[in-house]
Amino acid sequence: GVRGNCGMCKTTIEKAALSVDGVEEASWSITSKILDVKTERNLDSVKIHEAVANSGYDTELILALDENYNNLPGCCQYNREMEIPSKN
């Protein structure tokens, strides 16, 4: 699960996930808040969580630094208290 609000969030979250070596596909749902990824091999999912958090978005495992969150556009500054779903 990844906190976020809008289509701009979707673009940034998916781009962050795709920046991780070994991630082939990434799709984040605005409604469910779930990020689905396809990898070419076994990959430590923490690396994906780190990349997404570094882009400003809280995940179910790692919270974004305040500085990264504050650099998001206004429409992307999600409620940091929102429940983060877990696919597992």
PDB file of N, CA and C in Angstrom:
ATOM      1  N   GLY A   1       0.823  -1.187   0.000  1.00  0.00           N
ATOM      2  CA  GLY A   1       0.000   0.000   0.000  1.00  0.00           C
ATOM      3  C   GLY A   1       0.865   1.246   0.000  1.00  0.00           C
ATOM      4  N   VAL A   2       0.381   2.270  -0.696  1.00  0.00           N
ATOM      5  CA  VAL A   2       1.085   3.548  -0.798  1.00  0.00           C
ATOM      6  C   VAL A   2       0.062   4.675  -0.683  1.00  0.00           C
ATOM      7  N   ARG A   3       0.322   5.635   0.202  1.00  0.00           N
ATOM      8  CA  ARG A   3      -0.560   6.803   0.305  1.00  0.00           C
ATOM      9  C   ARG A   3      -0.377   7.695  -0.915  1.00  0.00           C
ATOM     10  N   GLY A   4      -1.477   8.294  -1.358  1.00  0.00           N
ATOM     11  CA  GLY A   4      -1.442   9.224  -2.475  1.00  0.00           C
ATOM     12  C   GLY A   4      -2.850   9.658  -2.827  1.00  0.00           C
ATOM     13  N   ASN A   5      -2.967  10.615  -3.754  1.00  0.00           N
ATOM     14  CA  ASN A   5      -4.266  11.204  -4.067  1.00  0.00           C
ATOM     15  C   ASN A   5      -4.715  11.126  -5.513  1.00  0.00           C
ATOM     16  N   CYS A   6      -3.809  11.411  -6.443  1.00  0.00           N
ATOM     17  CA  CYS A   6      -4.267  11.777  -7.780  1.00  0.00           C
ATOM     18  C   CYS A   6      -3.411  11.142  -8.887  1.00  0.00           C
ATOM     19  N   GLY A   7      -3.718  11.549 -10.101  1.00  0.00           N
ATOM     20  CA  GLY A   7      -2.979  11.043 -11.256  1.00  0.00           C
ATOM     21  C   GLY A   7      -1.516  11.431 -11.248  1.00  0.00           C
ATOM     22  N   MET A   8      -1.210  12.622 -10.732  1.00  0.00           N
ATOM     23  CA  MET A   8       0.203  13.011 -10.620  1.00  0.00           C
ATOM     24  C   MET A   8       0.912  12.107  -9.617  1.00  0.00           C
ATOM     25  N   CYS A   9       0.225  11.761  -8.533  1.00  0.00           N
ATOM     26  CA  CYS A   9       0.796  10.816  -7.557  1.00  0.00           C
ATOM     27  C   CYS A   9       1.083   9.492  -8.250  1.00  0.00           C
ATOM     28  N   LYS A  10       0.107   9.001  -9.013  1.00  0.00           N
ATOM     29  CA  LYS A  10       0.242   7.728  -9.715  1.00  0.00           C
ATOM     30  C   LYS A  10       1.501   7.728 -10.575  1.00  0.00           C
ATOM     31  N   THR A  11       1.688   8.801 -11.341  1.00  0.00           N
ATOM     32  CA  THR A  11       2.855   8.898 -12.222  1.00  0.00           C
ATOM     33  C   THR A  11       4.155   8.835 -11.426  1.00  0.00           C
ATOM     34  N   THR A  12       4.226   9.601 -10.342  1.00  0.00           N
ATOM     35  CA  THR A  12       5.451   9.666  -9.536  1.00  0.00           C
ATOM     36  C   THR A  12       5.722   8.339  -8.833  1.00  0.00           C
ATOM     37  N   ILE A  13       4.698   7.733  -8.254  1.00  0.00           N
ATOM     38  CA  ILE A  13       4.850   6.454  -7.542  1.00  0.00           C
ATOM     39  C   ILE A  13       5.325   5.369  -8.502  1.00  0.00           C
ATOM     40  N   GLU A  14       4.688   5.276  -9.657  1.00  0.00           N
ATOM     41  CA  GLU A  14       5.072   4.254 -10.635  1.00  0.00           C
ATOM     42  C   GLU A  14       6.487   4.503 -11.161  1.00  0.00           C
ATOM     43  N   LYS A  15       6.837   5.764 -11.412  1.00  0.00           N
ATOM     44  CA  LYS A  15       8.194   6.093 -11.880  1.00  0.00           C
ATOM     45  C   LYS A  15       9.230   5.701 -10.825  1.00  0.00           C
ATOM     46  N   ALA A  16       8.925   5.964  -9.558  1.00  0.00           N
ATOM     47  CA  ALA A  16       9.858   5.604  -8.481  1.00  0.00           C
ATOM     48  C   ALA A  16      10.054   4.089  -8.429  1.00  0.00           C
ATOM     49  N   ALA A  17       8.971   3.342  -8.529  1.00  0.00           N
ATOM     50  CA  ALA A  17       9.078   1.876  -8.501  1.00  0.00           C
ATOM     51  C   ALA A  17       9.884   1.369  -9.698  1.00  0.00           C
ATOM     52  N   LEU A  18       9.628   1.951 -10.865  1.00  0.00           N
ATOM     53  CA  LEU A  18      10.330   1.518 -12.079  1.00  0.00           C
ATOM     54  C   LEU A  18      11.815   1.886 -12.065  1.00  0.00           C
ATOM     55  N   SER A  19      12.202   2.805 -11.191  1.00  0.00           N
ATOM     56  CA  SER A  19      13.612   3.189 -11.099  1.00  0.00           C
ATOM     57  C   SER A  19      14.458   2.124 -10.405  1.00  0.00           C
ATOM     58  N   VAL A  20      13.800   1.171  -9.749  1.00  0.00           N
ATOM     59  CA  VAL A  20      14.508   0.092  -9.056  1.00  0.00           C
ATOM     60  C   VAL A  20      14.909  -0.964 -10.081  1.00  0.00           C
ATOM     61  N   ASP A  21      16.202  -1.279 -10.099  1.00  0.00           N
ATOM     62  CA  ASP A  21      16.711  -2.279 -11.031  1.00  0.00           C
ATOM     63  C   ASP A  21      15.992  -3.606 -10.820  1.00  0.00           C
ATOM     64  N   GLY A  22      15.425  -4.139 -11.889  1.00  0.00           N
ATOM     65  CA  GLY A  22      14.710  -5.408 -11.811  1.00  0.00           C
ATOM     66  C   GLY A  22      13.201  -5.262 -11.860  1.00  0.00           C
ATOM     67  N   VAL A  23      12.680  -4.042 -11.679  1.00  0.00           N
ATOM     68  CA  VAL A  23      11.233  -3.829 -11.787  1.00  0.00           C
ATOM     69  C   VAL A  23      10.909  -3.592 -13.256  1.00  0.00           C
ATOM     70  N   GLU A  24      10.018  -4.432 -13.794  1.00  0.00           N
ATOM     71  CA  GLU A  24       9.639  -4.339 -15.204  1.00  0.00           C
ATOM     72  C   GLU A  24       8.361  -3.537 -15.410  1.00  0.00           C
ATOM     73  N   GLU A  25       7.404  -3.682 -14.487  1.00  0.00           N
ATOM     74  CA  GLU A  25       6.124  -2.992 -14.596  1.00  0.00           C
ATOM     75  C   GLU A  25       5.706  -2.531 -13.216  1.00  0.00           C
ATOM     76  N   ALA A  26       4.989  -1.400 -13.172  1.00  0.00           N
ATOM     77  CA  ALA A  26       4.463  -0.886 -11.911  1.00  0.00           C
ATOM     78  C   ALA A  26       3.127  -0.205 -12.190  1.00  0.00           C
ATOM     79  N   SER A  27       2.136  -0.491 -11.358  1.00  0.00           N
ATOM     80  CA  SER A  27       0.827   0.114 -11.511  1.00  0.00           C
ATOM     81  C   SER A  27       0.252   0.397 -10.128  1.00  0.00           C
ATOM     82  N   TRP A  28      -0.031   1.686  -9.855  1.00  0.00           N
ATOM     83  CA  TRP A  28      -0.600   2.095  -8.567  1.00  0.00           C
ATOM     84  C   TRP A  28      -2.048   2.497  -8.783  1.00  0.00           C
ATOM     85  N   SER A  29      -2.940   2.008  -7.942  1.00  0.00           N
ATOM     86  CA  SER A  29      -4.362   2.327  -8.035  1.00  0.00           C
ATOM     87  C   SER A  29      -4.705   3.493  -7.118  1.00  0.00           C
ATOM     88  N   ILE A  30      -5.300   4.531  -7.697  1.00  0.00           N
ATOM     89  CA  ILE A  30      -5.722   5.697  -6.921  1.00  0.00           C
ATOM     90  C   ILE A  30      -6.778   5.305  -5.890  1.00  0.00           C
ATOM     91  N   THR A  31      -7.675   4.381  -6.243  1.00  0.00           N
ATOM     92  CA  THR A  31      -8.758   4.020  -5.328  1.00  0.00           C
ATOM     93  C   THR A  31      -8.332   3.035  -4.245  1.00  0.00           C
ATOM     94  N   SER A  32      -7.595   1.996  -4.615  1.00  0.00           N
ATOM     95  CA  SER A  32      -7.227   0.976  -3.614  1.00  0.00           C
ATOM     96  C   SER A  32      -5.942   1.328  -2.869  1.00  0.00           C
ATOM     97  N   LYS A  33      -5.117   2.225  -3.450  1.00  0.00           N
ATOM     98  CA  LYS A  33      -3.816   2.623  -2.892  1.00  0.00           C
ATOM     99  C   LYS A  33      -2.794   1.485  -2.925  1.00  0.00           C
ATOM    100  N   ILE A  34      -3.031   0.489  -3.771  1.00  0.00           N
ATOM    101  CA  ILE A  34      -2.125  -0.662  -3.890  1.00  0.00           C
ATOM    102  C   ILE A  34      -1.212  -0.478  -5.102  1.00  0.00           C
ATOM    103  N   LEU A  35       0.075  -0.703  -4.884  1.00  0.00           N
ATOM    104  CA  LEU A  35       1.070  -0.679  -5.957  1.00  0.00           C
ATOM    105  C   LEU A  35       1.391  -2.120  -6.326  1.00  0.00           C
ATOM    106  N   ASP A  36       1.062  -2.477  -7.565  1.00  0.00           N
ATOM    107  CA  ASP A  36       1.400  -3.807  -8.077  1.00  0.00           C
ATOM    108  C   ASP A  36       2.647  -3.672  -8.936  1.00  0.00           C
ATOM    109  N   VAL A  37       3.607  -4.579  -8.736  1.00  0.00           N
ATOM    110  CA  VAL A  37       4.830  -4.551  -9.536  1.00  0.00           C
ATOM    111  C   VAL A  37       5.110  -5.920 -10.115  1.00  0.00           C
ATOM    112  N   LYS A  38       5.748  -5.917 -11.262  1.00  0.00           N
ATOM    113  CA  LYS A  38       6.224  -7.146 -11.889  1.00  0.00           C
ATOM    114  C   LYS A  38       7.731  -7.015 -11.965  1.00  0.00           C
ATOM    115  N   THR A  39       8.427  -8.028 -11.474  1.00  0.00           N
ATOM    116  CA  THR A  39       9.887  -7.995 -11.480  1.00  0.00           C
ATOM    117  C   THR A  39      10.422  -9.126 -12.353  1.00  0.00           C
ATOM    118  N   GLU A  40      11.631  -8.927 -12.843  1.00  0.00           N
ATOM    119  CA  GLU A  40      12.248  -9.937 -13.701  1.00  0.00           C
ATOM    120  C   GLU A  40      12.874 -11.073 -12.899  1.00  0.00           C
ATOM    121  N   ARG A  41      13.037 -10.873 -11.625  1.00  0.00           N
ATOM    122  CA  ARG A  41      13.646 -11.888 -10.761  1.00  0.00           C
ATOM    123  C   ARG A  41      13.218 -11.606  -9.325  1.00  0.00           C
ATOM    124  N   ASN A  42      13.630 -12.476  -8.406  1.00  0.00           N
ATOM    125  CA  ASN A  42      13.355 -12.200  -6.998  1.00  0.00           C
ATOM    126  C   ASN A  42      14.045 -10.899  -6.627  1.00  0.00           C
ATOM    127  N   LEU A  43      13.291 -10.023  -6.000  1.00  0.00           N
ATOM    128  CA  LEU A  43      13.795  -8.698  -5.684  1.00  0.00           C
ATOM    129  C   LEU A  43      13.355  -8.363  -4.272  1.00  0.00           C
ATOM    130  N   ASP A  44      14.242  -7.793  -3.497  1.00  0.00           N
ATOM    131  CA  ASP A  44      13.914  -7.367  -2.144  1.00  0.00           C
ATOM    132  C   ASP A  44      12.907  -6.221  -2.246  1.00  0.00           C
ATOM    133  N   SER A  45      11.678  -6.454  -1.803  1.00  0.00           N
ATOM    134  CA  SER A  45      10.618  -5.445  -1.943  1.00  0.00           C
ATOM    135  C   SER A  45      10.923  -4.170  -1.162  1.00  0.00           C
ATOM    136  N   VAL A  46      11.806  -4.254  -0.165  1.00  0.00           N
ATOM    137  CA  VAL A  46      12.164  -3.065   0.608  1.00  0.00           C
ATOM    138  C   VAL A  46      12.786  -2.005  -0.302  1.00  0.00           C
ATOM    139  N   LYS A  47      13.509  -2.437  -1.327  1.00  0.00           N
ATOM    140  CA  LYS A  47      14.112  -1.482  -2.261  1.00  0.00           C
ATOM    141  C   LYS A  47      13.035  -0.659  -2.967  1.00  0.00           C
ATOM    142  N   ILE A  48      11.921  -1.287  -3.287  1.00  0.00           N
ATOM    143  CA  ILE A  48      10.819  -0.580  -3.939  1.00  0.00           C
ATOM    144  C   ILE A  48      10.187   0.389  -2.947  1.00  0.00           C
ATOM    145  N   HIS A  49       9.964  -0.076  -1.721  1.00  0.00           N
ATOM    146  CA  HIS A  49       9.405   0.802  -0.685  1.00  0.00           C
ATOM    147  C   HIS A  49      10.310   2.017  -0.463  1.00  0.00           C
ATOM    148  N   GLU A  50      11.617   1.806  -0.435  1.00  0.00           N
ATOM    149  CA  GLU A  50      12.561   2.905  -0.238  1.00  0.00           C
ATOM    150  C   GLU A  50      12.481   3.919  -1.377  1.00  0.00           C
ATOM    151  N   ALA A  51      12.428   3.431  -2.610  1.00  0.00           N
ATOM    152  CA  ALA A  51      12.369   4.327  -3.769  1.00  0.00           C
ATOM    153  C   ALA A  51      11.087   5.160  -3.742  1.00  0.00           C
ATOM    154  N   VAL A  52       9.971   4.531  -3.412  1.00  0.00           N
ATOM    155  CA  VAL A  52       8.696   5.247  -3.354  1.00  0.00           C
ATOM    156  C   VAL A  52       8.717   6.269  -2.215  1.00  0.00           C
ATOM    157  N   ALA A  53       9.211   5.866  -1.057  1.00  0.00           N
ATOM    158  CA  ALA A  53       9.291   6.797   0.082  1.00  0.00           C
ATOM    159  C   ALA A  53      10.221   7.963  -0.239  1.00  0.00           C
ATOM    160  N   ASN A  54      11.318   7.703  -0.941  1.00  0.00           N
ATOM    161  CA  ASN A  54      12.242   8.771  -1.310  1.00  0.00           C
ATOM    162  C   ASN A  54      11.602   9.766  -2.276  1.00  0.00           C
ATOM    163  N   SER A  55      10.557   9.331  -2.999  1.00  0.00           N
ATOM    164  CA  SER A  55       9.859  10.235  -3.916  1.00  0.00           C
ATOM    165  C   SER A  55       8.788  11.056  -3.197  1.00  0.00           C
ATOM    166  N   GLY A  56       8.586  10.788  -1.888  1.00  0.00           N
ATOM    167  CA  GLY A  56       7.663  11.599  -1.086  1.00  0.00           C
ATOM    168  C   GLY A  56       6.413  10.887  -0.609  1.00  0.00           C
ATOM    169  N   TYR A  57       6.290   9.613  -0.907  1.00  0.00           N
ATOM    170  CA  TYR A  57       5.062   8.883  -0.587  1.00  0.00           C
ATOM    171  C   TYR A  57       5.289   7.831   0.496  1.00  0.00           C
ATOM    172  N   ASP A  58       4.417   7.839   1.509  1.00  0.00           N
ATOM    173  CA  ASP A  58       4.468   6.835   2.572  1.00  0.00           C
ATOM    174  C   ASP A  58       4.021   5.487   2.017  1.00  0.00           C
ATOM    175  N   THR A  59       4.736   4.429   2.383  1.00  0.00           N
ATOM    176  CA  THR A  59       4.300   3.074   2.042  1.00  0.00           C
ATOM    177  C   THR A  59       3.941   2.354   3.338  1.00  0.00           C
ATOM    178  N   GLU A  60       3.446   1.152   3.188  1.00  0.00           N
ATOM    179  CA  GLU A  60       3.083   0.388   4.382  1.00  0.00           C
ATOM    180  C   GLU A  60       4.289   0.026   5.229  1.00  0.00           C
ATOM    181  N   LEU A  61       5.505   0.096   4.657  1.00  0.00           N
ATOM    182  CA  LEU A  61       6.723  -0.252   5.392  1.00  0.00           C
ATOM    183  C   LEU A  61       7.590   0.943   5.761  1.00  0.00           C
ATOM    184  N   ILE A  62       7.606   1.974   4.902  1.00  0.00           N
ATOM    185  CA  ILE A  62       8.537   3.089   5.087  1.00  0.00           C
ATOM    186  C   ILE A  62       7.800   4.416   4.894  1.00  0.00           C
ATOM    187  N   LEU A  63       7.972   5.315   5.863  1.00  0.00           N
ATOM    188  CA  LEU A  63       7.380   6.643   5.746  1.00  0.00           C
ATOM    189  C   LEU A  63       8.351   7.584   5.040  1.00  0.00           C
ATOM    190  N   ALA A  64       7.811   8.433   4.174  1.00  0.00           N
ATOM    191  CA  ALA A  64       8.625   9.423   3.480  1.00  0.00           C
ATOM    192  C   ALA A  64       9.163  10.443   4.476  1.00  0.00           C
ATOM    193  N   LEU A  65      10.343  10.970   4.202  1.00  0.00           N
ATOM    194  CA  LEU A  65      10.872  12.065   5.003  1.00  0.00           C
ATOM    195  C   LEU A  65       9.953  13.270   4.819  1.00  0.00           C
ATOM    196  N   ASP A  66       9.780  14.066   5.874  1.00  0.00           N
ATOM    197  CA  ASP A  66       8.937  15.258   5.794  1.00  0.00           C
ATOM    198  C   ASP A  66       9.379  16.161   4.650  1.00  0.00           C
ATOM    199  N   GLU A  67      10.684  16.309   4.461  1.00  0.00           N
ATOM    200  CA  GLU A  67      11.212  17.171   3.403  1.00  0.00           C
ATOM    201  C   GLU A  67      10.736  16.704   2.027  1.00  0.00           C
ATOM    202  N   ASN A  68      10.773  15.391   1.783  1.00  0.00           N
ATOM    203  CA  ASN A  68      10.336  14.856   0.490  1.00  0.00           C
ATOM    204  C   ASN A  68       8.832  15.019   0.317  1.00  0.00           C
ATOM    205  N   TYR A  69       8.065  14.781   1.388  1.00  0.00           N
ATOM    206  CA  TYR A  69       6.615  14.966   1.344  1.00  0.00           C
ATOM    207  C   TYR A  69       6.293  16.430   1.058  1.00  0.00           C
ATOM    208  N   ASN A  70       6.957  17.349   1.739  1.00  0.00           N
ATOM    209  CA  ASN A  70       6.682  18.780   1.588  1.00  0.00           C
ATOM    210  C   ASN A  70       7.035  19.303   0.200  1.00  0.00           C
ATOM    211  N   ASN A  71       7.899  18.588  -0.532  1.00  0.00           N
ATOM    212  CA  ASN A  71       8.254  18.997  -1.895  1.00  0.00           C
ATOM    213  C   ASN A  71       7.249  18.538  -2.940  1.00  0.00           C
ATOM    214  N   LEU A  72       6.255  17.737  -2.531  1.00  0.00           N
ATOM    215  CA  LEU A  72       5.224  17.304  -3.471  1.00  0.00           C
ATOM    216  C   LEU A  72       4.327  18.488  -3.823  1.00  0.00           C
ATOM    217  N   PRO A  73       3.740  18.483  -5.051  1.00  0.00           N
ATOM    218  CA  PRO A  73       2.759  19.517  -5.391  1.00  0.00           C
ATOM    219  C   PRO A  73       1.597  19.478  -4.388  1.00  0.00           C
ATOM    220  N   GLY A  74       0.909  20.593  -4.227  1.00  0.00           N
ATOM    221  CA  GLY A  74      -0.185  20.676  -3.255  1.00  0.00           C
ATOM    222  C   GLY A  74      -1.229  19.590  -3.410  1.00  0.00           C
ATOM    223  N   CYS A  75      -1.609  19.276  -4.653  1.00  0.00           N
ATOM    224  CA  CYS A  75      -2.653  18.259  -4.866  1.00  0.00           C
ATOM    225  C   CYS A  75      -2.175  16.864  -4.465  1.00  0.00           C
ATOM    226  N   CYS A  76      -0.867  16.687  -4.380  1.00  0.00           N
ATOM    227  CA  CYS A  76      -0.294  15.385  -4.049  1.00  0.00           C
ATOM    228  C   CYS A  76       0.011  15.239  -2.555  1.00  0.00           C
ATOM    229  N   GLN A  77      -0.177  16.297  -1.786  1.00  0.00           N
ATOM    230  CA  GLN A  77       0.091  16.211  -0.354  1.00  0.00           C
ATOM    231  C   GLN A  77      -1.104  15.545   0.326  1.00  0.00           C
ATOM    232  N   TYR A  78      -1.051  14.233   0.330  1.00  0.00           N
ATOM    233  CA  TYR A  78      -2.086  13.352   0.860  1.00  0.00           C
ATOM    234  C   TYR A  78      -2.177  13.485   2.375  1.00  0.00           C
ATOM    235  N   ASN A  79      -3.261  12.990   2.914  1.00  0.00           N
ATOM    236  CA  ASN A  79      -3.463  12.938   4.360  1.00  0.00           C
ATOM    237  C   ASN A  79      -2.517  11.877   4.924  1.00  0.00           C
ATOM    238  N   ARG A  80      -1.568  12.278   5.719  1.00  0.00           N
ATOM    239  CA  ARG A  80      -0.562  11.340   6.246  1.00  0.00           C
ATOM    240  C   ARG A  80      -1.126  10.436   7.328  1.00  0.00           C
ATOM    241  N   GLU A  81      -2.378  10.649   7.703  1.00  0.00           N
ATOM    242  CA  GLU A  81      -3.059   9.789   8.673  1.00  0.00           C
ATOM    243  C   GLU A  81      -3.914   8.737   7.981  1.00  0.00           C
ATOM    244  N   MET A  82      -4.049   8.824   6.631  1.00  0.00           N
ATOM    245  CA  MET A  82      -4.900   7.869   5.921  1.00  0.00           C
ATOM    246  C   MET A  82      -4.389   6.452   6.136  1.00  0.00           C
ATOM    247  N   GLU A  83      -5.316   5.521   6.216  1.00  0.00           N
ATOM    248  CA  GLU A  83      -4.942   4.114   6.399  1.00  0.00           C
ATOM    249  C   GLU A  83      -4.207   3.634   5.155  1.00  0.00           C
ATOM    250  N   ILE A  84      -3.121   2.925   5.383  1.00  0.00           N
ATOM    251  CA  ILE A  84      -2.361   2.356   4.270  1.00  0.00           C
ATOM    252  C   ILE A  84      -2.737   0.880   4.169  1.00  0.00           C
ATOM    253  N   PRO A  85      -3.362   0.503   3.065  1.00  0.00           N
ATOM    254  CA  PRO A  85      -3.730  -0.903   2.907  1.00  0.00           C
ATOM    255  C   PRO A  85      -2.496  -1.780   2.674  1.00  0.00           C
ATOM    256  N   SER A  86      -2.631  -3.027   2.968  1.00  0.00           N
ATOM    257  CA  SER A  86      -1.577  -3.991   2.696  1.00  0.00           C
ATOM    258  C   SER A  86      -2.163  -5.075   1.817  1.00  0.00           C
ATOM    259  N   LYS A  87      -1.457  -5.404   0.763  1.00  0.00           N
ATOM    260  CA  LYS A  87      -1.933  -6.454  -0.157  1.00  0.00           C
ATOM    261  C   LYS A  87      -1.757  -7.838   0.479  1.00  0.00           C
ATOM    262  N   ASN A  88      -0.817  -7.931   1.408  1.00  0.00           N
ATOM    263  CA  ASN A  88      -0.526  -9.230   2.038  1.00  0.00           C
ATOM    264  C   ASN A  88      -1.436  -9.486   3.194  1.00  0.00           C
TER     265      ASN A  88
END
